[in-house]
Amino acid sequence: MPKSRLRRKTAFTPPPEKAPVRLESPQWVGFLMVGLLLFGLAWLVTFYVVNASDKNVPIITDLHNWNLLIGFAFIAAGFGVATRWK
């Protein structure tokens, strides 16, 4: 039986180098995250202080218990921005 021809393998060529991955987030992400978290906390604290003192603050007293949703929405947005922080 005749012998088949041997194939020569080409020399290994490594893949091209990739640019290094930047593992930093923009500076505004940290400030926005902290700002949203603190604003949500301040909104909730203001709501509870106004309710405890029976003062008439126009925006806070008009929204009643919707203030809880607004405060927690700002805090949740802060946590959402925190997922972008590296």
PDB file of N, CA and C in Angstrom:
ATOM      1  N   MET A   1       0.847  -1.159   0.000  1.00  0.00           N
ATOM      2  CA  MET A   1       0.000   0.000   0.000  1.00  0.00           C
ATOM      3  C   MET A   1       0.901   1.232   0.000  1.00  0.00           C
ATOM      4  N   PRO A   2       0.594   2.245  -0.834  1.00  0.00           N
ATOM      5  CA  PRO A   2       1.439   3.419  -0.896  1.00  0.00           C
ATOM      6  C   PRO A   2       1.279   4.282   0.357  1.00  0.00           C
ATOM      7  N   LYS A   3       2.346   4.920   0.735  1.00  0.00           N
ATOM      8  CA  LYS A   3       2.358   5.767   1.918  1.00  0.00           C
ATOM      9  C   LYS A   3       1.828   7.158   1.521  1.00  0.00           C
ATOM     10  N   SER A   4       0.961   7.737   2.364  1.00  0.00           N
ATOM     11  CA  SER A   4       0.414   9.051   2.064  1.00  0.00           C
ATOM     12  C   SER A   4       1.456  10.136   2.364  1.00  0.00           C
ATOM     13  N   ARG A   5       1.273  11.251   1.685  1.00  0.00           N
ATOM     14  CA  ARG A   5       2.220  12.330   1.908  1.00  0.00           C
ATOM     15  C   ARG A   5       2.009  12.948   3.288  1.00  0.00           C
ATOM     16  N   LEU A   6       3.079  13.317   3.928  1.00  0.00           N
ATOM     17  CA  LEU A   6       3.008  13.964   5.236  1.00  0.00           C
ATOM     18  C   LEU A   6       2.786  15.465   5.052  1.00  0.00           C
ATOM     19  N   ARG A   7       1.891  15.985   5.834  1.00  0.00           N
ATOM     20  CA  ARG A   7       1.654  17.430   5.776  1.00  0.00           C
ATOM     21  C   ARG A   7       2.522  18.132   6.798  1.00  0.00           C
ATOM     22  N   ARG A   8       3.100  19.209   6.388  1.00  0.00           N
ATOM     23  CA  ARG A   8       3.901  19.987   7.324  1.00  0.00           C
ATOM     24  C   ARG A   8       2.998  21.007   8.018  1.00  0.00           C
ATOM     25  N   LYS A   9       3.171  21.119   9.315  1.00  0.00           N
ATOM     26  CA  LYS A   9       2.392  22.090  10.078  1.00  0.00           C
ATOM     27  C   LYS A   9       3.093  23.446  10.009  1.00  0.00           C
ATOM     28  N   THR A  10       2.267  24.475   9.926  1.00  0.00           N
ATOM     29  CA  THR A  10       2.848  25.822   9.919  1.00  0.00           C
ATOM     30  C   THR A  10       3.281  26.191  11.329  1.00  0.00           C
ATOM     31  N   ALA A  11       4.220  27.079  11.429  1.00  0.00           N
ATOM     32  CA  ALA A  11       4.709  27.522  12.733  1.00  0.00           C
ATOM     33  C   ALA A  11       3.603  28.257  13.474  1.00  0.00           C
ATOM     34  N   PHE A  12       3.609  28.141  14.794  1.00  0.00           N
ATOM     35  CA  PHE A  12       2.587  28.780  15.627  1.00  0.00           C
ATOM     36  C   PHE A  12       2.789  30.290  15.609  1.00  0.00           C
ATOM     37  N   THR A  13       1.727  31.001  15.319  1.00  0.00           N
ATOM     38  CA  THR A  13       1.770  32.461  15.397  1.00  0.00           C
ATOM     39  C   THR A  13       0.826  32.895  16.506  1.00  0.00           C
ATOM     40  N   PRO A  14       1.346  33.566  17.516  1.00  0.00           N
ATOM     41  CA  PRO A  14       0.489  33.981  18.633  1.00  0.00           C
ATOM     42  C   PRO A  14      -0.521  35.034  18.182  1.00  0.00           C
ATOM     43  N   PRO A  15      -1.669  35.093  18.858  1.00  0.00           N
ATOM     44  CA  PRO A  15      -2.674  36.107  18.494  1.00  0.00           C
ATOM     45  C   PRO A  15      -2.127  37.507  18.780  1.00  0.00           C
ATOM     46  N   PRO A  16      -2.638  38.500  18.088  1.00  0.00           N
ATOM     47  CA  PRO A  16      -2.155  39.871  18.332  1.00  0.00           C
ATOM     48  C   PRO A  16      -2.501  40.329  19.743  1.00  0.00           C
ATOM     49  N   GLU A  17      -1.645  41.175  20.291  1.00  0.00           N
ATOM     50  CA  GLU A  17      -1.871  41.661  21.648  1.00  0.00           C
ATOM     51  C   GLU A  17      -3.049  42.623  21.667  1.00  0.00           C
ATOM     52  N   LYS A  18      -3.855  42.481  22.701  1.00  0.00           N
ATOM     53  CA  LYS A  18      -5.004  43.354  22.860  1.00  0.00           C
ATOM     54  C   LYS A  18      -4.606  44.541  23.730  1.00  0.00           C
ATOM     55  N   ALA A  19      -5.299  45.624  23.531  1.00  0.00           N
ATOM     56  CA  ALA A  19      -5.066  46.800  24.370  1.00  0.00           C
ATOM     57  C   ALA A  19      -5.518  46.479  25.789  1.00  0.00           C
ATOM     58  N   PRO A  20      -4.834  46.986  26.790  1.00  0.00           N
ATOM     59  CA  PRO A  20      -5.236  46.689  28.170  1.00  0.00           C
ATOM     60  C   PRO A  20      -6.640  47.230  28.450  1.00  0.00           C
ATOM     61  N   VAL A  21      -7.404  46.468  29.197  1.00  0.00           N
ATOM     62  CA  VAL A  21      -8.773  46.839  29.529  1.00  0.00           C
ATOM     63  C   VAL A  21      -8.739  47.851  30.673  1.00  0.00           C
ATOM     64  N   ARG A  22      -9.447  48.935  30.482  1.00  0.00           N
ATOM     65  CA  ARG A  22      -9.498  49.970  31.521  1.00  0.00           C
ATOM     66  C   ARG A  22     -10.528  49.571  32.568  1.00  0.00           C
ATOM     67  N   LEU A  23     -10.091  49.367  33.791  1.00  0.00           N
ATOM     68  CA  LEU A  23     -10.983  48.917  34.855  1.00  0.00           C
ATOM     69  C   LEU A  23     -11.403  50.053  35.784  1.00  0.00           C
ATOM     70  N   GLU A  24     -11.428  51.253  35.255  1.00  0.00           N
ATOM     71  CA  GLU A  24     -11.858  52.384  36.053  1.00  0.00           C
ATOM     72  C   GLU A  24     -13.147  52.948  35.475  1.00  0.00           C
ATOM     73  N   SER A  25     -13.985  53.429  36.363  1.00  0.00           N
ATOM     74  CA  SER A  25     -15.204  54.080  35.892  1.00  0.00           C
ATOM     75  C   SER A  25     -14.971  55.583  35.888  1.00  0.00           C
ATOM     76  N   PRO A  26     -15.779  56.319  35.141  1.00  0.00           N
ATOM     77  CA  PRO A  26     -15.628  57.784  35.172  1.00  0.00           C
ATOM     78  C   PRO A  26     -15.867  58.321  36.583  1.00  0.00           C
ATOM     79  N   GLN A  27     -15.305  59.465  36.852  1.00  0.00           N
ATOM     80  CA  GLN A  27     -15.377  60.032  38.195  1.00  0.00           C
ATOM     81  C   GLN A  27     -16.809  60.398  38.583  1.00  0.00           C
ATOM     82  N   TRP A  28     -17.646  60.741  37.612  1.00  0.00           N
ATOM     83  CA  TRP A  28     -19.000  61.171  37.931  1.00  0.00           C
ATOM     84  C   TRP A  28     -19.861  60.033  38.473  1.00  0.00           C
ATOM     85  N   VAL A  29     -19.478  58.793  38.207  1.00  0.00           N
ATOM     86  CA  VAL A  29     -20.293  57.662  38.665  1.00  0.00           C
ATOM     87  C   VAL A  29     -20.305  57.600  40.193  1.00  0.00           C
ATOM     88  N   GLY A  30     -19.151  57.778  40.794  1.00  0.00           N
ATOM     89  CA  GLY A  30     -19.080  57.745  42.260  1.00  0.00           C
ATOM     90  C   GLY A  30     -19.849  58.888  42.901  1.00  0.00           C
ATOM     91  N   PHE A  31     -19.697  60.084  42.326  1.00  0.00           N
ATOM     92  CA  PHE A  31     -20.409  61.234  42.878  1.00  0.00           C
ATOM     93  C   PHE A  31     -21.917  61.084  42.719  1.00  0.00           C
ATOM     94  N   LEU A  32     -22.352  60.589  41.563  1.00  0.00           N
ATOM     95  CA  LEU A  32     -23.790  60.397  41.338  1.00  0.00           C
ATOM     96  C   LEU A  32     -24.347  59.339  42.282  1.00  0.00           C
ATOM     97  N   MET A  33     -23.603  58.253  42.471  1.00  0.00           N
ATOM     98  CA  MET A  33     -24.060  57.180  43.360  1.00  0.00           C
ATOM     99  C   MET A  33     -24.246  57.702  44.786  1.00  0.00           C
ATOM    100  N   VAL A  34     -23.223  58.361  45.309  1.00  0.00           N
ATOM    101  CA  VAL A  34     -23.305  58.884  46.680  1.00  0.00           C
ATOM    102  C   VAL A  34     -24.381  59.952  46.776  1.00  0.00           C
ATOM    103  N   GLY A  35     -24.488  60.796  45.763  1.00  0.00           N
ATOM    104  CA  GLY A  35     -25.509  61.839  45.776  1.00  0.00           C
ATOM    105  C   GLY A  35     -26.924  61.287  45.809  1.00  0.00           C
ATOM    106  N   LEU A  36     -27.182  60.266  44.987  1.00  0.00           N
ATOM    107  CA  LEU A  36     -28.528  59.670  44.979  1.00  0.00           C
ATOM    108  C   LEU A  36     -28.846  58.978  46.300  1.00  0.00           C
ATOM    109  N   LEU A  37     -27.883  58.267  46.839  1.00  0.00           N
ATOM    110  CA  LEU A  37     -28.110  57.584  48.120  1.00  0.00           C
ATOM    111  C   LEU A  37     -28.374  58.590  49.239  1.00  0.00           C
ATOM    112  N   LEU A  38     -27.575  59.645  49.302  1.00  0.00           N
ATOM    113  CA  LEU A  38     -27.763  60.647  50.360  1.00  0.00           C
ATOM    114  C   LEU A  38     -29.043  61.450  50.163  1.00  0.00           C
ATOM    115  N   PHE A  39     -29.391  61.760  48.911  1.00  0.00           N
ATOM    116  CA  PHE A  39     -30.624  62.511  48.663  1.00  0.00           C
ATOM    117  C   PHE A  39     -31.848  61.680  49.054  1.00  0.00           C
ATOM    118  N   GLY A  40     -31.835  60.386  48.729  1.00  0.00           N
ATOM    119  CA  GLY A  40     -32.946  59.520  49.132  1.00  0.00           C
ATOM    120  C   GLY A  40     -33.063  59.412  50.638  1.00  0.00           C
ATOM    121  N   LEU A  41     -31.922  59.286  51.304  1.00  0.00           N
ATOM    122  CA  LEU A  41     -31.935  59.222  52.768  1.00  0.00           C
ATOM    123  C   LEU A  41     -32.429  60.539  53.356  1.00  0.00           C
ATOM    124  N   ALA A  42     -31.966  61.666  52.809  1.00  0.00           N
ATOM    125  CA  ALA A  42     -32.409  62.970  53.304  1.00  0.00           C
ATOM    126  C   ALA A  42     -33.915  63.170  53.074  1.00  0.00           C
ATOM    127  N   TRP A  43     -34.418  62.673  51.950  1.00  0.00           N
ATOM    128  CA  TRP A  43     -35.861  62.794  51.669  1.00  0.00           C
ATOM    129  C   TRP A  43     -36.672  62.020  52.716  1.00  0.00           C
ATOM    130  N   LEU A  44     -36.224  60.810  53.033  1.00  0.00           N
ATOM    131  CA  LEU A  44     -36.948  60.008  54.022  1.00  0.00           C
ATOM    132  C   LEU A  44     -36.863  60.619  55.415  1.00  0.00           C
ATOM    133  N   VAL A  45     -35.689  61.101  55.790  1.00  0.00           N
ATOM    134  CA  VAL A  45     -35.536  61.717  57.113  1.00  0.00           C
ATOM    135  C   VAL A  45     -36.399  62.970  57.208  1.00  0.00           C
ATOM    136  N   THR A  46     -36.412  63.775  56.161  1.00  0.00           N
ATOM    137  CA  THR A  46     -37.244  64.983  56.153  1.00  0.00           C
ATOM    138  C   THR A  46     -38.716  64.626  56.277  1.00  0.00           C
ATOM    139  N   PHE A  47     -39.133  63.587  55.581  1.00  0.00           N
ATOM    140  CA  PHE A  47     -40.527  63.157  55.660  1.00  0.00           C
ATOM    141  C   PHE A  47     -40.907  62.763  57.087  1.00  0.00           C
ATOM    142  N   TYR A  48     -40.046  61.994  57.744  1.00  0.00           N
ATOM    143  CA  TYR A  48     -40.355  61.565  59.104  1.00  0.00           C
ATOM    144  C   TYR A  48     -40.290  62.724  60.097  1.00  0.00           C
ATOM    145  N   VAL A  49     -39.367  63.641  59.921  1.00  0.00           N
ATOM    146  CA  VAL A  49     -39.266  64.788  60.840  1.00  0.00           C
ATOM    147  C   VAL A  49     -40.469  65.696  60.676  1.00  0.00           C
ATOM    148  N   VAL A  50     -40.896  65.937  59.447  1.00  0.00           N
ATOM    149  CA  VAL A  50     -42.063  66.795  59.214  1.00  0.00           C
ATOM    150  C   VAL A  50     -43.320  66.149  59.786  1.00  0.00           C
ATOM    151  N   ASN A  51     -43.466  64.840  59.623  1.00  0.00           N
ATOM    152  CA  ASN A  51     -44.651  64.163  60.172  1.00  0.00           C
ATOM    153  C   ASN A  51     -44.633  64.155  61.691  1.00  0.00           C
ATOM    154  N   ALA A  52     -43.468  64.046  62.293  1.00  0.00           N
ATOM    155  CA  ALA A  52     -43.395  64.003  63.748  1.00  0.00           C
ATOM    156  C   ALA A  52     -43.676  65.374  64.361  1.00  0.00           C
ATOM    157  N   SER A  53     -43.318  66.440  63.651  1.00  0.00           N
ATOM    158  CA  SER A  53     -43.485  67.774  64.231  1.00  0.00           C
ATOM    159  C   SER A  53     -44.787  68.443  63.807  1.00  0.00           C
ATOM    160  N   ASP A  54     -45.553  67.833  62.954  1.00  0.00           N
ATOM    161  CA  ASP A  54     -46.834  68.372  62.467  1.00  0.00           C
ATOM    162  C   ASP A  54     -46.687  69.750  61.826  1.00  0.00           C
ATOM    163  N   LYS A  55     -45.560  69.990  61.172  1.00  0.00           N
ATOM    164  CA  LYS A  55     -45.382  71.246  60.443  1.00  0.00           C
ATOM    165  C   LYS A  55     -45.990  71.095  59.056  1.00  0.00           C
ATOM    166  N   ASN A  56     -46.311  72.199  58.442  1.00  0.00           N
ATOM    167  CA  ASN A  56     -46.929  72.173  57.123  1.00  0.00           C
ATOM    168  C   ASN A  56     -45.896  72.572  56.069  1.00  0.00           C
ATOM    169  N   VAL A  57     -45.213  71.573  55.526  1.00  0.00           N
ATOM    170  CA  VAL A  57     -44.266  71.800  54.426  1.00  0.00           C
ATOM    171  C   VAL A  57     -44.996  71.406  53.150  1.00  0.00           C
ATOM    172  N   PRO A  58     -45.170  72.345  52.196  1.00  0.00           N
ATOM    173  CA  PRO A  58     -46.079  72.119  51.060  1.00  0.00           C
ATOM    174  C   PRO A  58     -45.839  70.823  50.283  1.00  0.00           C
ATOM    175  N   ILE A  59     -44.663  70.571  49.810  1.00  0.00           N
ATOM    176  CA  ILE A  59     -44.441  69.407  48.947  1.00  0.00           C
ATOM    177  C   ILE A  59     -44.509  68.104  49.747  1.00  0.00           C
ATOM    178  N   ILE A  60     -43.872  68.108  50.896  1.00  0.00           N
ATOM    179  CA  ILE A  60     -43.792  66.880  51.696  1.00  0.00           C
ATOM    180  C   ILE A  60     -45.171  66.474  52.207  1.00  0.00           C
ATOM    181  N   THR A  61     -45.931  67.406  52.724  1.00  0.00           N
ATOM    182  CA  THR A  61     -47.236  67.042  53.289  1.00  0.00           C
ATOM    183  C   THR A  61     -48.270  66.715  52.214  1.00  0.00           C
ATOM    184  N   ASP A  62     -48.111  67.275  51.013  1.00  0.00           N
ATOM    185  CA  ASP A  62     -49.072  66.989  49.942  1.00  0.00           C
ATOM    186  C   ASP A  62     -48.920  65.570  49.395  1.00  0.00           C
ATOM    187  N   LEU A  63     -47.730  65.035  49.465  1.00  0.00           N
ATOM    188  CA  LEU A  63     -47.480  63.704  48.894  1.00  0.00           C
ATOM    189  C   LEU A  63     -47.814  62.564  49.845  1.00  0.00           C
ATOM    190  N   HIS A  64     -48.008  62.862  51.102  1.00  0.00           N
ATOM    191  CA  HIS A  64     -48.352  61.868  52.126  1.00  0.00           C
ATOM    192  C   HIS A  64     -47.374  60.691  52.104  1.00  0.00           C
ATOM    193  N   ASN A  65     -47.874  59.470  51.991  1.00  0.00           N
ATOM    194  CA  ASN A  65     -46.989  58.298  52.061  1.00  0.00           C
ATOM    195  C   ASN A  65     -46.259  58.011  50.750  1.00  0.00           C
ATOM    196  N   TRP A  66     -46.540  58.770  49.687  1.00  0.00           N
ATOM    197  CA  TRP A  66     -45.764  58.626  48.455  1.00  0.00           C
ATOM    198  C   TRP A  66     -44.314  59.047  48.676  1.00  0.00           C
ATOM    199  N   ASN A  67     -44.072  59.774  49.747  1.00  0.00           N
ATOM    200  CA  ASN A  67     -42.711  60.171  50.074  1.00  0.00           C
ATOM    201  C   ASN A  67     -41.818  58.955  50.312  1.00  0.00           C
ATOM    202  N   LEU A  68     -42.376  57.908  50.867  1.00  0.00           N
ATOM    203  CA  LEU A  68     -41.596  56.679  51.078  1.00  0.00           C
ATOM    204  C   LEU A  68     -41.135  56.099  49.742  1.00  0.00           C
ATOM    205  N   LEU A  69     -42.045  56.068  48.792  1.00  0.00           N
ATOM    206  CA  LEU A  69     -41.692  55.543  47.467  1.00  0.00           C
ATOM    207  C   LEU A  69     -40.641  56.422  46.787  1.00  0.00           C
ATOM    208  N   ILE A  70     -40.784  57.715  46.912  1.00  0.00           N
ATOM    209  CA  ILE A  70     -39.818  58.632  46.294  1.00  0.00           C
ATOM    210  C   ILE A  70     -38.438  58.457  46.915  1.00  0.00           C
ATOM    211  N   GLY A  71     -38.367  58.414  48.237  1.00  0.00           N
ATOM    212  CA  GLY A  71     -37.080  58.242  48.914  1.00  0.00           C
ATOM    213  C   GLY A  71     -36.414  56.927  48.560  1.00  0.00           C
ATOM    214  N   PHE A  72     -37.185  55.854  48.579  1.00  0.00           N
ATOM    215  CA  PHE A  72     -36.604  54.551  48.240  1.00  0.00           C
ATOM    216  C   PHE A  72     -36.263  54.448  46.754  1.00  0.00           C
ATOM    217  N   ALA A  73     -36.980  55.185  45.903  1.00  0.00           N
ATOM    218  CA  ALA A  73     -36.640  55.186  44.478  1.00  0.00           C
ATOM    219  C   ALA A  73     -35.282  55.841  44.254  1.00  0.00           C
ATOM    220  N   PHE A  74     -34.994  56.923  44.971  1.00  0.00           N
ATOM    221  CA  PHE A  74     -33.672  57.546  44.867  1.00  0.00           C
ATOM    222  C   PHE A  74     -32.581  56.607  45.385  1.00  0.00           C
ATOM    223  N   ILE A  75     -32.866  55.913  46.464  1.00  0.00           N
ATOM    224  CA  ILE A  75     -31.882  54.960  47.010  1.00  0.00           C
ATOM    225  C   ILE A  75     -31.674  53.802  46.036  1.00  0.00           C
ATOM    226  N   ALA A  76     -32.745  53.300  45.446  1.00  0.00           N
ATOM    227  CA  ALA A  76     -32.618  52.215  44.465  1.00  0.00           C
ATOM    228  C   ALA A  76     -31.851  52.682  43.232  1.00  0.00           C
ATOM    229  N   ALA A  77     -32.076  53.921  42.818  1.00  0.00           N
ATOM    230  CA  ALA A  77     -31.313  54.464  41.688  1.00  0.00           C
ATOM    231  C   ALA A  77     -29.831  54.563  42.046  1.00  0.00           C
ATOM    232  N   GLY A  78     -29.542  54.902  43.291  1.00  0.00           N
ATOM    233  CA  GLY A  78     -28.152  54.938  43.749  1.00  0.00           C
ATOM    234  C   GLY A  78     -27.501  53.571  43.684  1.00  0.00           C
ATOM    235  N   PHE A  79     -28.234  52.544  44.085  1.00  0.00           N
ATOM    236  CA  PHE A  79     -27.708  51.177  43.979  1.00  0.00           C
ATOM    237  C   PHE A  79     -27.565  50.764  42.512  1.00  0.00           C
ATOM    238  N   GLY A  80     -28.472  51.218  41.665  1.00  0.00           N
ATOM    239  CA  GLY A  80     -28.354  50.923  40.236  1.00  0.00           C
ATOM    240  C   GLY A  80     -27.103  51.540  39.633  1.00  0.00           C
ATOM    241  N   VAL A  81     -26.797  52.759  40.029  1.00  0.00           N
ATOM    242  CA  VAL A  81     -25.576  53.412  39.544  1.00  0.00           C
ATOM    243  C   VAL A  81     -24.350  52.721  40.126  1.00  0.00           C
ATOM    244  N   ALA A  82     -24.489  52.168  41.334  1.00  0.00           N
ATOM    245  CA  ALA A  82     -23.356  51.483  41.973  1.00  0.00           C
ATOM    246  C   ALA A  82     -22.910  50.259  41.174  1.00  0.00           C
ATOM    247  N   THR A  83     -23.780  49.692  40.372  1.00  0.00           N
ATOM    248  CA  THR A  83     -23.380  48.539  39.558  1.00  0.00           C
ATOM    249  C   THR A  83     -22.433  48.948  38.434  1.00  0.00           C
ATOM    250  N   ARG A  84     -22.386  50.232  38.097  1.00  0.00           N
ATOM    251  CA  ARG A  84     -21.501  50.741  37.051  1.00  0.00           C
ATOM    252  C   ARG A  84     -20.125  51.145  37.599  1.00  0.00           C
ATOM    253  N   TRP A  85     -19.996  51.152  38.935  1.00  0.00           N
ATOM    254  CA  TRP A  85     -18.760  51.614  39.566  1.00  0.00           C
ATOM    255  C   TRP A  85     -17.742  50.492  39.640  1.00  0.00           C
ATOM    256  N   LYS A  86     -16.524  50.777  39.227  1.00  0.00           N
ATOM    257  CA  LYS A  86     -15.458  49.762  39.269  1.00  0.00           C
ATOM    258  C   LYS A  86     -14.304  50.280  40.068  1.00  0.00           C
TER     259      LYS A  86
END
